[in-house]
C-alpha atoms as a PDB file:
ATOM      1  CA  MET A   1     240.348  12.419  73.236  1.00  0.00           C
ATOM      2  CA  ASP A   2     240.651  10.873  69.680  1.00  0.00           C
ATOM      3  CA  ASP A   3     239.080  13.835  68.228  1.00  0.00           C
ATOM      4  CA  ASN A   4     241.446  16.262  70.427  1.00  0.00           C
ATOM      5  CA  ASN A   5     244.331  14.239  69.346  1.00  0.00           C
ATOM      6  CA  GLU A   6     243.327  13.748  65.723  1.00  0.00           C
ATOM      7  CA  ALA A   7     242.632  17.654  65.743  1.00  0.00           C
ATOM      8  CA  LYS A   8     246.483  18.396  66.902  1.00  0.00           C
ATOM      9  CA  SER A   9     247.714  16.062  64.489  1.00  0.00           C
ATOM     10  CA  ILE A  10     245.884  17.965  61.626  1.00  0.00           C
ATOM     11  CA  ASN A  11     246.886  21.084  62.990  1.00  0.00           C
ATOM     12  CA  LYS A  12     250.336  20.038  63.403  1.00  0.00           C
ATOM     13  CA  SER A  13     250.554  18.857  59.783  1.00  0.00           C
ATOM     14  CA  MET A  14     248.767  22.232  58.482  1.00  0.00           C
ATOM     15  CA  LYS A  15     251.736  24.106  60.535  1.00  0.00           C
ATOM     16  CA  LYS A  16     254.329  21.820  58.971  1.00  0.00           C
ATOM     17  CA  ASP A  17     253.058  22.718  55.467  1.00  0.00           C
ATOM     18  CA  PHE A  18     252.671  26.377  56.074  1.00  0.00           C
ATOM     19  CA  ASN A  19     256.319  26.517  57.532  1.00  0.00           C
ATOM     20  CA  LYS A  20     257.608  24.535  54.461  1.00  0.00           C
ATOM     21  CA  LEU A  21     256.191  27.430  52.410  1.00  0.00           C
ATOM     22  CA  GLY A  22     257.210  30.171  54.578  1.00  0.00           C
ATOM     23  CA  LEU A  23     260.801  28.984  54.360  1.00  0.00           C
ATOM     24  CA  ALA A  24     260.512  28.879  50.755  1.00  0.00           C
ATOM     25  CA  LEU A  25     259.347  32.660  50.477  1.00  0.00           C
ATOM     26  CA  VAL A  26     261.923  33.697  52.918  1.00  0.00           C
ATOM     27  CA  MET A  27     264.738  32.104  50.723  1.00  0.00           C
ATOM     28  CA  TYR A  28     263.165  33.598  47.616  1.00  0.00           C
ATOM     29  CA  THR A  29     263.416  36.927  49.315  1.00  0.00           C
ATOM     30  CA  ILE A  30     266.368  36.732  50.903  1.00  0.00           C
ATOM     31  CA  ILE A  31     268.338  35.510  47.712  1.00  0.00           C
ATOM     32  CA  LEU A  32     266.314  37.942  45.763  1.00  0.00           C
ATOM     33  CA  ASN A  33     267.792  41.016  48.013  1.00  0.00           C
ATOM     34  CA  VAL A  34     271.309  39.467  48.008  1.00  0.00           C
ATOM     35  CA  VAL A  35     271.859  38.969  44.366  1.00  0.00           C
ATOM     36  CA  VAL A  36     270.471  42.744  43.970  1.00  0.00           C
ATOM     37  CA  LEU A  37     273.243  43.955  46.598  1.00  0.00           C
ATOM     38  CA  ILE A  38     276.003  42.049  45.097  1.00  0.00           C
ATOM     39  CA  GLY A  39     275.244  43.490  41.544  1.00  0.00           C
ATOM     40  CA  VAL A  40     275.003  47.029  42.660  1.00  0.00           C
ATOM     41  CA  VAL A  41     278.657  46.336  44.572  1.00  0.00           C
ATOM     42  CA  VAL A  42     280.129  44.953  41.956  1.00  0.00           C
ATOM     43  CA  ALA A  43     278.825  47.614  39.491  1.00  0.00           C
ATOM     44  CA  MET A  44     280.414  50.230  42.020  1.00  0.00           C
ATOM     45  CA  ILE A  45     283.580  48.230  42.111  1.00  0.00           C
ATOM     46  CA  ILE A  46     283.774  48.005  38.523  1.00  0.00           C
ATOM     47  CA  GLN A  47     282.867  51.921  38.526  1.00  0.00           C
ATOM     48  CA  ALA A  48     285.858  53.026  40.910  1.00  0.00           C
ATOM     49  CA  ILE A  49     288.387  50.660  38.807  1.00  0.00           C
ATOM     50  CA  LYS A  50     287.170  52.772  35.492  1.00  0.00           C
ATOM     51  CA  ASN A  51     287.108  56.085  37.314  1.00  0.00           C
ATOM     52  CA  PRO A  52     289.648  55.841  40.893  1.00  0.00           C
ATOM     53  CA  ASN A  53     288.880  59.648  41.858  1.00  0.00           C
ATOM     54  CA  MET A  54     284.911  58.879  41.386  1.00  0.00           C
ATOM     55  CA  SER A  55     283.166  60.611  44.470  1.00  0.00           C
ATOM     56  CA  GLU A  56     280.597  58.814  46.296  1.00  0.00           C
ATOM     57  CA  VAL A  57     277.824  60.731  44.766  1.00  0.00           C
ATOM     58  CA  GLN A  58     278.823  59.642  41.499  1.00  0.00           C
ATOM     59  CA  ALA A  59     278.984  55.731  42.611  1.00  0.00           C
ATOM     60  CA  MET A  60     275.508  56.129  43.775  1.00  0.00           C
ATOM     61  CA  GLN A  61     274.502  57.165  40.703  1.00  0.00           C
ATOM     62  CA  ILE A  62     274.558  53.512  39.037  1.00  0.00           C
ATOM     63  CA  LEU A  63     271.212  53.245  41.046  1.00  0.00           C
ATOM     64  CA  ASP A  64     269.394  55.629  38.726  1.00  0.00           C
ATOM     65  CA  ASP A  65     270.377  53.913  35.442  1.00  0.00           C
ATOM     66  CA  ALA A  66     267.245  52.203  34.455  1.00  0.00           C
ATOM     67  CA  SER A  67     269.159  49.878  32.124  1.00  0.00           C
ATOM     68  CA  PHE A  68     271.052  48.652  34.991  1.00  0.00           C
ATOM     69  CA  THR A  69     268.264  48.358  37.500  1.00  0.00           C
ATOM     70  CA  GLY A  70     266.220  46.460  34.837  1.00  0.00           C
ATOM     71  CA  THR A  71     268.843  43.922  33.959  1.00  0.00           C
ATOM     72  CA  LEU A  72     269.737  43.277  37.311  1.00  0.00           C
ATOM     73  CA  SER A  73     265.966  43.008  38.214  1.00  0.00           C
ATOM     74  CA  ILE A  74     265.524  40.359  35.744  1.00  0.00           C
ATOM     75  CA  ILE A  75     268.689  38.349  37.015  1.00  0.00           C
ATOM     76  CA  ALA A  76     267.333  38.629  40.692  1.00  0.00           C
ATOM     77  CA  VAL A  77     264.084  37.512  40.152  1.00  0.00           C
ATOM     78  CA  ILE A  78     265.393  34.385  37.854  1.00  0.00           C
ATOM     79  CA  ILE A  79     267.863  33.334  40.789  1.00  0.00           C
ATOM     80  CA  ALA A  80     265.466  34.082  43.501  1.00  0.00           C
ATOM     81  CA  PHE A  81     263.104  31.418  42.028  1.00  0.00           C
ATOM     82  CA  ILE A  82     265.559  28.695  42.528  1.00  0.00           C
ATOM     83  CA  PRO A  83     264.389  27.931  45.904  1.00  0.00           C
ATOM     84  CA  ILE A  84     260.945  27.916  44.998  1.00  0.00           C
ATOM     85  CA  LEU A  85     261.315  25.218  42.097  1.00  0.00           C
ATOM     86  CA  ILE A  86     263.196  23.338  44.984  1.00  0.00           C
ATOM     87  CA  TYR A  87     260.526  23.584  47.326  1.00  0.00           C
ATOM     88  CA  ARG A  88     257.673  22.710  45.111  1.00  0.00           C
ATOM     89  CA  LYS A  89     259.751  20.333  42.699  1.00  0.00           C
ATOM     90  CA  LYS A  90     257.673  18.462  39.846  1.00  0.00           C
ATOM     91  CA  LYS A  91     254.499  19.952  41.337  1.00  0.00           C
ATOM     92  CA  PHE A  92     255.283  23.202  39.897  1.00  0.00           C
ATOM     93  CA  PHE A  93     255.215  21.648  36.371  1.00  0.00           C
ATOM     94  CA  GLN A  94     253.025  18.845  36.571  1.00  0.00           C
ATOM     95  CA  TYR A  95     250.271  20.418  38.472  1.00  0.00           C
ATOM     96  CA  ASP A  96     250.893  24.330  39.574  1.00  0.00           C
ATOM     97  CA  LEU A  97     250.993  25.378  35.735  1.00  0.00           C
ATOM     98  CA  LYS A  98     248.792  22.870  34.234  1.00  0.00           C
ATOM     99  CA  VAL A  99     245.647  23.237  36.266  1.00  0.00           C
ATOM    100  CA  VAL A 100     242.621  24.344  34.081  1.00  0.00           C
ATOM    101  CA  ASN A 101     239.239  24.325  35.645  1.00  0.00           C
ATOM    102  CA  LYS A 102     237.634  26.511  32.981  1.00  0.00           C
ATOM    103  CA  LYS A 103     238.611  27.777  29.548  1.00  0.00           C
ATOM    104  CA  PHE A 104     238.976  31.715  29.497  1.00  0.00           C
ATOM    105  CA  THR A 105     237.361  33.739  26.433  1.00  0.00           C
ATOM    106  CA  LEU A 106     238.224  37.086  25.263  1.00  0.00           C
ATOM    107  CA  LYS A 107     235.011  38.583  27.140  1.00  0.00           C
ATOM    108  CA  THR A 108     236.404  36.777  30.293  1.00  0.00           C
ATOM    109  CA  ILE A 109     239.881  38.614  29.943  1.00  0.00           C
ATOM    110  CA  LEU A 110     238.056  42.072  29.019  1.00  0.00           C
ATOM    111  CA  ILE A 111     235.968  42.083  32.190  1.00  0.00           C
ATOM    112  CA  ALA A 112     238.618  40.903  34.214  1.00  0.00           C
ATOM    113  CA  PHE A 113     240.988  43.754  33.041  1.00  0.00           C
ATOM    114  CA  ILE A 114     238.398  46.157  33.644  1.00  0.00           C
ATOM    115  CA  ILE A 115     238.210  44.897  37.116  1.00  0.00           C
ATOM    116  CA  LEU A 116     241.856  45.585  37.453  1.00  0.00           C
ATOM    117  CA  PHE A 117     241.893  48.815  36.068  1.00  0.00           C
ATOM    118  CA  SER A 118     239.109  50.306  38.156  1.00  0.00           C
ATOM    119  CA  ILE A 119     241.243  48.664  41.298  1.00  0.00           C
ATOM    120  CA  ASN A 120     244.377  50.343  40.260  1.00  0.00           C
ATOM    121  CA  GLY A 121     242.328  53.842  39.955  1.00  0.00           C
ATOM    122  CA  THR A 122     240.736  53.094  43.363  1.00  0.00           C
ATOM    123  CA  MET A 123     243.579  52.205  45.093  1.00  0.00           C
ATOM    124  CA  GLY A 124     245.734  55.402  43.543  1.00  0.00           C
ATOM    125  CA  VAL A 125     243.097  57.549  45.276  1.00  0.00           C
ATOM    126  CA  LEU A 126     243.289  55.557  48.495  1.00  0.00           C
ATOM    127  CA  ALA A 127     246.873  56.186  48.471  1.00  0.00           C
ATOM    128  CA  GLU A 128     246.702  59.778  48.107  1.00  0.00           C
ATOM    129  CA  VAL A 129     244.193  59.621  51.432  1.00  0.00           C
ATOM    130  CA  LEU A 130     246.672  57.318  53.040  1.00  0.00           C
ATOM    131  CA  GLU A 131     249.619  59.932  51.985  1.00  0.00           C
ATOM    132  CA  PHE A 132     247.125  62.708  53.589  1.00  0.00           C
ATOM    133  CA  LEU A 133     246.766  61.077  56.835  1.00  0.00           C
ATOM    134  CA  LEU A 134     250.608  60.429  57.192  1.00  0.00           C
ATOM    135  CA  ASN A 135     250.971  64.023  56.769  1.00  0.00           C
ATOM    136  CA  THR A 136     248.603  65.009  59.252  1.00  0.00           C
ATOM    137  CA  VAL A 137     250.936  63.122  62.068  1.00  0.00           C
ATOM    138  CA  GLY A 138     254.025  64.272  60.419  1.00  0.00           C
ATOM    139  CA  LEU A 139     255.113  61.383  58.379  1.00  0.00           C
ATOM    140  CA  THR A 140     255.101  61.029  54.150  1.00  0.00           C
ATOM    141  CA  ALA A 141     255.496  57.892  52.003  1.00  0.00           C
ATOM    142  CA  SER A 142     256.878  60.178  48.817  1.00  0.00           C
ATOM    143  CA  SER A 143     260.118  58.273  48.525  1.00  0.00           C
ATOM    144  CA  SER A 144     257.817  55.475  47.975  1.00  0.00           C
ATOM    145  CA  LEU A 145     255.919  57.180  45.260  1.00  0.00           C
ATOM    146  CA  GLU A 146     259.425  58.329  43.905  1.00  0.00           C
ATOM    147  CA  ALA A 147     260.480  54.547  43.584  1.00  0.00           C
ATOM    148  CA  LEU A 148     257.570  53.764  41.654  1.00  0.00           C
ATOM    149  CA  GLU A 149     258.079  56.807  39.569  1.00  0.00           C
ATOM    150  CA  ALA A 150     261.555  55.399  38.582  1.00  0.00           C
ATOM    151  CA  LEU A 151     260.167  52.187  37.294  1.00  0.00           C
ATOM    152  CA  ASN A 152     259.054  54.532  34.341  1.00  0.00           C
ATOM    153  CA  GLN A 153     262.109  55.243  33.066  1.00  0.00           C
ATOM    154  CA  PRO A 154     262.639  54.628  29.230  1.00  0.00           C
ATOM    155  CA  ALA A 155     264.998  51.706  29.201  1.00  0.00           C
ATOM    156  CA  ILE A 156     264.378  48.131  27.219  1.00  0.00           C
ATOM    157  CA  SER A 157     265.392  46.142  30.247  1.00  0.00           C
ATOM    158  CA  LEU A 158     263.307  47.839  32.652  1.00  0.00           C
ATOM    159  CA  PHE A 159     260.415  47.506  30.393  1.00  0.00           C
ATOM    160  CA  LEU A 160     260.767  43.917  29.660  1.00  0.00           C
ATOM    161  CA  TYR A 161     261.097  43.395  33.615  1.00  0.00           C
ATOM    162  CA  THR A 162     258.244  45.661  34.473  1.00  0.00           C
ATOM    163  CA  CYS A 163     255.856  44.234  31.975  1.00  0.00           C
ATOM    164  CA  LEU A 164     257.313  40.738  31.135  1.00  0.00           C
ATOM    165  CA  ILE A 165     259.595  39.026  33.338  1.00  0.00           C
ATOM    166  CA  GLY A 166     258.378  40.376  36.535  1.00  0.00           C
ATOM    167  CA  PRO A 167     254.983  39.221  36.191  1.00  0.00           C
ATOM    168  CA  ILE A 168     255.687  36.017  34.484  1.00  0.00           C
ATOM    169  CA  PHE A 169     257.517  35.548  37.906  1.00  0.00           C
ATOM    170  CA  GLU A 170     255.605  36.766  40.310  1.00  0.00           C
ATOM    171  CA  GLU A 171     252.114  35.023  38.852  1.00  0.00           C
ATOM    172  CA  PHE A 172     254.683  31.515  39.090  1.00  0.00           C
ATOM    173  CA  VAL A 173     255.098  32.107  42.911  1.00  0.00           C
ATOM    174  CA  TYR A 174     252.018  33.620  44.075  1.00  0.00           C
ATOM    175  CA  ARG A 175     249.240  32.450  41.540  1.00  0.00           C
ATOM    176  CA  GLY A 176     251.348  29.365  40.915  1.00  0.00           C
ATOM    177  CA  VAL A 177     253.426  27.858  44.059  1.00  0.00           C
ATOM    178  CA  VAL A 178     251.566  29.836  46.935  1.00  0.00           C
ATOM    179  CA  LEU A 179     247.829  29.620  45.841  1.00  0.00           C
ATOM    180  CA  ARG A 180     247.926  26.168  44.887  1.00  0.00           C
ATOM    181  CA  ASN A 181     249.744  24.897  47.714  1.00  0.00           C
ATOM    182  CA  LEU A 182     247.100  26.668  50.128  1.00  0.00           C
ATOM    183  CA  GLU A 183     244.144  25.816  47.847  1.00  0.00           C
ATOM    184  CA  LYS A 184     243.482  22.345  49.475  1.00  0.00           C
ATOM    185  CA  TYR A 185     242.343  24.517  52.773  1.00  0.00           C
ATOM    186  CA  GLY A 186     239.564  26.602  50.860  1.00  0.00           C
ATOM    187  CA  LYS A 187     239.930  28.548  47.296  1.00  0.00           C
ATOM    188  CA  TRP A 188     238.997  31.938  49.225  1.00  0.00           C
ATOM    189  CA  PHE A 189     241.752  31.706  51.958  1.00  0.00           C
ATOM    190  CA  ALA A 190     244.176  30.613  49.180  1.00  0.00           C
ATOM    191  CA  ILE A 191     243.335  33.827  47.285  1.00  0.00           C
ATOM    192  CA  LEU A 192     242.969  35.919  50.102  1.00  0.00           C
ATOM    193  CA  VAL A 193     246.415  34.971  51.611  1.00  0.00           C
ATOM    194  CA  SER A 194     248.476  34.762  48.149  1.00  0.00           C
ATOM    195  CA  SER A 195     247.043  38.136  47.534  1.00  0.00           C
ATOM    196  CA  ILE A 196     248.201  39.518  51.103  1.00  0.00           C
ATOM    197  CA  LEU A 197     251.704  38.106  50.355  1.00  0.00           C
ATOM    198  CA  PHE A 198     251.814  39.387  47.262  1.00  0.00           C
ATOM    199  CA  GLY A 199     251.117  42.746  47.910  1.00  0.00           C
ATOM    200  CA  LEU A 200     253.374  43.081  51.018  1.00  0.00           C
ATOM    201  CA  MET A 201     256.249  41.523  48.600  1.00  0.00           C
ATOM    202  CA  HIS A 202     256.638  45.017  46.940  1.00  0.00           C
ATOM    203  CA  GLY A 203     257.903  46.558  49.833  1.00  0.00           C
ATOM    204  CA  ASN A 204     256.312  49.909  48.790  1.00  0.00           C
ATOM    205  CA  PHE A 205     253.581  51.648  50.840  1.00  0.00           C
ATOM    206  CA  TYR A 206     252.117  52.924  47.716  1.00  0.00           C
ATOM    207  CA  GLN A 207     251.795  49.621  46.392  1.00  0.00           C
ATOM    208  CA  ILE A 208     250.324  47.238  49.018  1.00  0.00           C
ATOM    209  CA  PHE A 209     246.865  47.909  48.768  1.00  0.00           C
ATOM    210  CA  MET A 210     246.778  48.080  45.090  1.00  0.00           C
ATOM    211  CA  ALA A 211     248.808  44.885  44.884  1.00  0.00           C
ATOM    212  CA  ILE A 212     246.377  42.890  46.818  1.00  0.00           C
ATOM    213  CA  GLY A 213     243.244  44.235  45.252  1.00  0.00           C
ATOM    214  CA  VAL A 214     245.197  42.786  41.826  1.00  0.00           C
ATOM    215  CA  GLY A 215     246.159  40.115  43.535  1.00  0.00           C
ATOM    216  CA  ILE A 216     242.623  39.063  44.599  1.00  0.00           C
ATOM    217  CA  VAL A 217     241.367  39.546  41.211  1.00  0.00           C
ATOM    218  CA  LEU A 218     244.341  37.516  39.491  1.00  0.00           C
ATOM    219  CA  GLY A 219     244.170  34.962  42.416  1.00  0.00           C
ATOM    220  CA  TYR A 220     240.371  34.346  41.097  1.00  0.00           C
ATOM    221  CA  VAL A 221     241.028  34.035  37.506  1.00  0.00           C
ATOM    222  CA  ALA A 222     243.902  31.565  38.526  1.00  0.00           C
ATOM    223  CA  THR A 223     241.812  29.381  40.624  1.00  0.00           C
ATOM    224  CA  GLU A 224     238.484  29.036  38.539  1.00  0.00           C
ATOM    225  CA  TYR A 225     240.095  29.526  35.033  1.00  0.00           C
ATOM    226  CA  SER A 226     244.143  29.039  34.931  1.00  0.00           C
ATOM    227  CA  ILE A 227     247.499  30.478  35.829  1.00  0.00           C
ATOM    228  CA  LYS A 228     247.598  31.119  32.221  1.00  0.00           C
ATOM    229  CA  MET A 229     244.874  33.808  32.301  1.00  0.00           C
ATOM    230  CA  SER A 230     246.396  35.381  35.476  1.00  0.00           C
ATOM    231  CA  ILE A 231     249.636  35.623  33.532  1.00  0.00           C
ATOM    232  CA  ILE A 232     248.147  37.339  30.568  1.00  0.00           C
ATOM    233  CA  LEU A 233     246.272  39.924  32.376  1.00  0.00           C
ATOM    234  CA  HIS A 234     249.051  40.496  35.160  1.00  0.00           C
ATOM    235  CA  ILE A 235     251.448  41.295  31.767  1.00  0.00           C
ATOM    236  CA  PHE A 236     248.535  43.397  30.194  1.00  0.00           C
ATOM    237  CA  ASN A 237     247.786  45.463  33.509  1.00  0.00           C
ATOM    238  CA  ASN A 238     251.527  46.336  33.859  1.00  0.00           C
ATOM    239  CA  THR A 239     252.050  46.937  30.055  1.00  0.00           C
ATOM    240  CA  ILE A 240     248.820  49.468  30.015  1.00  0.00           C
ATOM    241  CA  VAL A 241     250.073  51.208  33.196  1.00  0.00           C
ATOM    242  CA  GLN A 242     253.422  51.852  31.809  1.00  0.00           C
ATOM    243  CA  LEU A 243     251.861  53.213  28.319  1.00  0.00           C
ATOM    244  CA  MET A 244     249.266  55.161  30.451  1.00  0.00           C
ATOM    245  CA  SER A 245     252.285  56.749  32.670  1.00  0.00           C
ATOM    246  CA  GLU A 246     254.024  57.471  29.467  1.00  0.00           C
ATOM    247  CA  VAL A 247     251.150  59.084  27.794  1.00  0.00           C
ATOM    248  CA  ASN A 248     250.579  61.308  30.865  1.00  0.00           C
ATOM    249  CA  SER A 249     254.041  62.542  30.624  1.00  0.00           C
ATOM    250  CA  TYR A 250     253.556  64.062  26.895  1.00  0.00           C
ATOM    251  CA  VAL A 251     249.895  65.244  27.549  1.00  0.00           C
ATOM    252  CA  GLY A 252     250.627  66.951  31.075  1.00  0.00           C
ATOM    253  CA  GLU A 253     249.570  65.909  34.487  1.00  0.00           C
ATOM    254  CA  ASN A 254     246.461  67.963  34.768  1.00  0.00           C
ATOM    255  CA  VAL A 255     245.208  66.383  31.182  1.00  0.00           C
ATOM    256  CA  GLY A 256     246.796  62.690  32.377  1.00  0.00           C
ATOM    257  CA  THR A 257     244.995  62.789  35.700  1.00  0.00           C
ATOM    258  CA  ILE A 258     241.889  63.721  33.749  1.00  0.00           C
ATOM    259  CA  ILE A 259     242.335  60.869  31.275  1.00  0.00           C
ATOM    260  CA  ASP A 260     242.877  58.706  34.169  1.00  0.00           C
ATOM    261  CA  TYR A 261     239.962  59.665  36.498  1.00  0.00           C
ATOM    262  CA  GLY A 262     237.749  59.533  33.460  1.00  0.00           C
ATOM    263  CA  ILE A 263     238.778  55.625  32.224  1.00  0.00           C
ATOM    264  CA  THR A 264     238.574  54.503  36.128  1.00  0.00           C
ATOM    265  CA  ILE A 265     235.165  55.948  36.755  1.00  0.00           C
ATOM    266  CA  ILE A 266     234.102  54.475  33.591  1.00  0.00           C
ATOM    267  CA  CYS A 267     235.540  50.972  34.513  1.00  0.00           C
ATOM    268  CA  ILE A 268     233.778  51.526  38.130  1.00  0.00           C
ATOM    269  CA  ILE A 269     230.470  52.074  36.475  1.00  0.00           C
ATOM    270  CA  ILE A 270     230.904  49.143  34.513  1.00  0.00           C
ATOM    271  CA  VAL A 271     232.641  46.591  37.249  1.00  0.00           C
ATOM    272  CA  ILE A 272     229.235  47.707  39.800  1.00  0.00           C
ATOM    273  CA  SER A 273     227.029  46.843  37.097  1.00  0.00           C
ATOM    274  CA  ILE A 274     228.793  43.558  36.834  1.00  0.00           C
ATOM    275  CA  PHE A 275     228.527  42.762  40.151  1.00  0.00           C
ATOM    276  CA  ILE A 276     224.910  43.925  40.412  1.00  0.00           C
ATOM    277  CA  ARG A 277     224.067  41.458  37.723  1.00  0.00           C
ATOM    278  CA  TYR A 278     226.154  38.829  39.123  1.00  0.00           C
ATOM    279  CA  LYS A 279     225.790  39.349  43.035  1.00  0.00           C
ATOM    280  CA  ASP A 280     223.773  36.142  43.597  1.00  0.00           C
ATOM    281  CA  THR A 281     226.342  34.083  41.851  1.00  0.00           C
ATOM    282  CA  ILE A 282     229.196  35.938  43.849  1.00  0.00           C
ATOM    283  CA  LYS A 283     227.180  35.828  46.829  1.00  0.00           C
ATOM    284  CA  GLN A 284     226.903  31.727  46.469  1.00  0.00           C
ATOM    285  CA  TRP A 285     230.389  31.622  45.734  1.00  0.00           C
ATOM    286  CA  VAL A 286     231.661  33.301  48.824  1.00  0.00           C
ATOM    287  CA  GLU A 287     229.207  31.116  50.921  1.00  0.00           C
ATOM    288  CA  ASN A 288     230.635  28.164  49.342  1.00  0.00           C
ATOM    289  CA  ASN A 289     234.366  28.773  50.115  1.00  0.00           C
ATOM    290  CA  ARG A 290     234.222  30.259  53.785  1.00  0.00           C
ATOM    291  CA  ILE A 291     237.291  31.011  55.494  1.00  0.00           C
ATOM    292  CA  GLU A 292     237.937  28.677  58.385  1.00  0.00           C
ATOM    293  CA  LYS A 293     238.909  31.261  61.211  1.00  0.00           C
ATOM    294  CA  LYS A 294     241.672  28.341  62.834  1.00  0.00           C
ATOM    295  CA  ILE A 295     243.406  28.088  59.653  1.00  0.00           C
ATOM    296  CA  ILE A 296     243.996  31.699  59.128  1.00  0.00           C
ATOM    297  CA  ILE A 297     245.138  31.884  62.583  1.00  0.00           C
ATOM    298  CA  SER A 298     247.353  28.739  62.065  1.00  0.00           C
ATOM    299  CA  PHE A 299     248.844  30.309  58.888  1.00  0.00           C
ATOM    300  CA  PHE A 300     249.621  34.176  60.384  1.00  0.00           C
ATOM    301  CA  THR A 301     251.258  32.469  63.564  1.00  0.00           C
ATOM    302  CA  THR A 302     253.760  30.296  61.773  1.00  0.00           C
ATOM    303  CA  ILE A 303     257.198  31.590  62.403  1.00  0.00           C
ATOM    304  CA  THR A 304     258.368  31.353  58.889  1.00  0.00           C
ATOM    305  CA  ILE A 305     255.194  33.413  57.880  1.00  0.00           C
ATOM    306  CA  ILE A 306     256.103  36.045  60.403  1.00  0.00           C
ATOM    307  CA  ILE A 307     259.637  36.455  59.628  1.00  0.00           C
ATOM    308  CA  LYS A 308     258.596  36.995  55.495  1.00  0.00           C
ATOM    309  CA  ILE A 309     255.778  39.165  56.667  1.00  0.00           C
ATOM    310  CA  GLY A 310     257.946  41.078  58.945  1.00  0.00           C
ATOM    311  CA  PHE A 311     260.734  41.536  56.649  1.00  0.00           C
ATOM    312  CA  ASP A 312     258.106  42.990  53.955  1.00  0.00           C
ATOM    313  CA  LEU A 313     256.764  45.406  56.563  1.00  0.00           C
ATOM    314  CA  PHE A 314     260.234  46.458  57.701  1.00  0.00           C
ATOM    315  CA  MET A 315     260.950  47.462  53.887  1.00  0.00           C
ATOM    316  CA  VAL A 316     257.658  49.154  53.763  1.00  0.00           C
ATOM    317  CA  ALA A 317     258.373  51.053  56.880  1.00  0.00           C
ATOM    318  CA  GLN A 318     261.951  51.990  55.257  1.00  0.00           C
ATOM    319  CA  GLY A 319     259.479  54.198  52.694  1.00  0.00           C
ATOM    320  CA  ILE A 320     257.726  56.348  55.386  1.00  0.00           C
ATOM    321  CA  THR A 321     259.769  59.201  56.573  1.00  0.00           C
ATOM    322  CA  ARG A 322     259.110  62.328  58.600  1.00  0.00           C
ATOM    323  CA  LEU A 323     257.796  65.347  56.915  1.00  0.00           C
ATOM    324  CA  ARG A 324     260.126  68.056  56.169  1.00  0.00           C
END
């Protein structure tokens, strides 16, 4: 009976912990979207004052302005981080950002980046397969792809957001606050859950699986080394992807595809050889960090986590429409 009461007490404490984290993430998401909405409305009002005869189509063109999008995204992500700081308080600065388990080297960064690049390439192919499957049932996520392509527009503010500010704050939230808070329930649990939340946060059908894969690598790096390494990798990864996209626009789609597939295949071969070489070490790490079923069930049945995931899935669904 005592053991049963103790188990209930532990589960209640765990649920309370998960709910607090979920509430912080829900507030983060709400503020992020509200700031963006206010920014768009204010910009449209200013445009309307300048040009009273402006049509609805002209008013909506503000959304296609890369400089405006980049600036607004930077402002939104910074303001939205406030509830995360309120939730984590001093722990964010004294623990989340300072934990260092092992020092990383240039070789470690290179290996991690090769793994990231192979994931980007592989998940890119998977996205095409999923699009094909959607097409077979009369659906498409092409608008999600268009949203991604919009991030490649030439604008300093958009580049700063995509390759610097965005990665830094995403690491603060998901490899800092989320992962560090959940680490006490197990490393693999913290890495996997933070990666799933990170993937869903993008709200884009094409990005979910890629971001989850990337999140697992960054989560492992933050856990075994430090968040500094995951920030460096995230910035480097996004910058290379942006530059590759820019190169592809110059060399043409066919040549660009060949280059992407060529680099991806080389990276995958290297990754396979690394996994073969360290398979025993990897297997031992997984064995030592098994996820307890009751913990993962408890997490994903927590009300604020359900709300957060539900909203993210709703945003993903907005990008899936009927095939015309």
